[in-house]
């Protein structure tokens, strides 16, 4: 299984790049719902179990345990902007 760090590292250097990456792959989601945001849906589609995104981290399950990992800055910026109404094309 690919590491979550690797999945997050390819998103791009800033929030707009993250949004473009997700849009090109048709990942959409619900604003303010960490379990159903575009980033969580991307991670889930790539084998991450039960991802939930908040403003600075992703929580997911590994071997039956909850693990919390910091989001890289571009992903963190994307989440904040998306939840504030940016990137309407990514809203489900």
Protein backbone atom coordinates (compact mmCIF):
# COMPACT_ATOMS: atom_id res chain seq x y z
CA UNK A 1 0.00 0.00 0.00
CA UNK A 2 1.24 3.49 -0.82
CA UNK A 3 2.14 5.69 2.14
CA UNK A 4 -0.16 8.59 2.93
CA UNK A 5 2.87 10.88 2.89
CA UNK A 6 3.52 9.93 -0.74
CA UNK A 7 -0.12 10.50 -1.71
CA UNK A 8 -0.05 13.97 -0.17
CA UNK A 9 3.36 14.87 -1.59
CA UNK A 10 2.16 14.67 -5.21
CA UNK A 11 -0.70 17.14 -4.76
CA UNK A 12 1.31 20.20 -5.76
CA UNK A 13 3.14 23.22 -4.37
CA UNK A 14 0.12 25.35 -3.41
CA UNK A 15 -3.64 25.24 -2.82
CA UNK A 16 -4.49 25.97 -6.46
CA UNK A 17 -2.30 23.08 -7.61
CA UNK A 18 -4.00 20.78 -5.11
CA UNK A 19 -7.41 21.88 -6.42
CA UNK A 20 -6.31 21.29 -10.03
CA UNK A 21 -4.92 17.86 -9.15
CA UNK A 22 -8.19 16.83 -7.50
CA UNK A 23 -10.37 18.35 -10.25
CA UNK A 24 -8.43 16.59 -13.02
CA UNK A 25 -9.14 13.29 -11.26
CA UNK A 26 -12.79 14.18 -10.56
CA UNK A 27 -12.57 14.15 -6.76
CA UNK A 28 -15.40 16.20 -5.31
CA UNK A 29 -16.76 16.56 -1.81
CA UNK A 30 -18.81 18.40 0.77
CA UNK A 31 -17.59 21.59 2.40
CA UNK A 32 -16.97 21.30 6.14
CA UNK A 33 -17.35 17.51 6.17
CA UNK A 34 -13.91 16.06 6.83
CA UNK A 35 -14.92 12.54 5.91
CA UNK A 36 -16.32 13.64 2.53
CA UNK A 37 -14.08 16.44 1.31
CA UNK A 38 -12.31 16.06 -2.06
CA UNK A 39 -9.00 15.32 -0.33
CA UNK A 40 -10.52 12.58 1.85
CA UNK A 41 -12.17 11.04 -1.20
CA UNK A 42 -8.84 11.06 -3.06
CA UNK A 43 -7.10 9.35 -0.14
CA UNK A 44 -9.90 6.78 0.23
CA UNK A 45 -9.74 5.94 -3.48
CA UNK A 46 -6.02 5.29 -3.04
CA UNK A 47 -6.37 2.79 -0.22
CA UNK A 48 -6.34 4.99 2.88
CA UNK A 49 -8.86 3.60 5.33
CA UNK A 50 -11.47 5.94 6.85
CA UNK A 51 -9.73 9.25 6.14
CA UNK A 52 -11.07 12.37 7.85
CA UNK A 53 -9.59 15.77 7.13
CA UNK A 54 -9.53 18.75 9.45
CA UNK A 55 -7.78 22.07 8.99
CA UNK A 56 -4.28 20.76 9.69
CA UNK A 57 -4.34 16.96 9.75
CA UNK A 58 -5.75 13.74 8.38
CA UNK A 59 -6.97 10.99 10.67
CA UNK A 60 -7.12 7.48 9.27
CA UNK A 61 -7.08 3.86 10.39
CA UNK A 62 -3.96 1.70 10.23
CA UNK A 63 -4.06 -1.84 11.63
CA UNK A 64 -7.18 -1.03 13.64
CA UNK A 65 -5.68 2.11 15.21
CA UNK A 66 -6.48 5.74 14.54
CA UNK A 67 -3.46 7.59 13.22
CA UNK A 68 -3.20 11.37 12.89
CA UNK A 69 -0.79 12.87 10.38
CA UNK A 70 -0.14 16.52 9.63
CA UNK A 71 -1.18 17.80 6.24
CA UNK A 72 1.51 19.42 4.12
CA UNK A 73 1.02 23.18 3.83
CA UNK A 74 -0.47 23.12 0.29
CA UNK A 75 -3.12 20.59 1.35
CA UNK A 76 -3.83 22.52 4.54
CA UNK A 77 -4.29 25.73 2.54
CA UNK A 78 -6.57 23.91 0.09
CA UNK A 79 -8.79 22.60 2.90
CA UNK A 80 -9.16 26.05 4.46
CA UNK A 81 -10.01 27.67 1.12
CA UNK A 82 -12.36 24.88 0.03
CA UNK A 83 -14.29 25.02 3.30
CA UNK A 84 -14.52 28.81 2.93
CA UNK A 85 -16.19 28.49 -0.49
CA UNK A 86 -13.29 28.43 -2.97
CA UNK A 87 -13.11 25.89 -5.80
CA UNK A 88 -16.88 25.53 -6.42
CA UNK A 89 -16.20 22.96 -9.15
CA UNK A 90 -15.01 20.54 -6.44
CA UNK A 91 -18.18 20.80 -4.38
CA UNK A 92 -20.45 17.76 -4.62
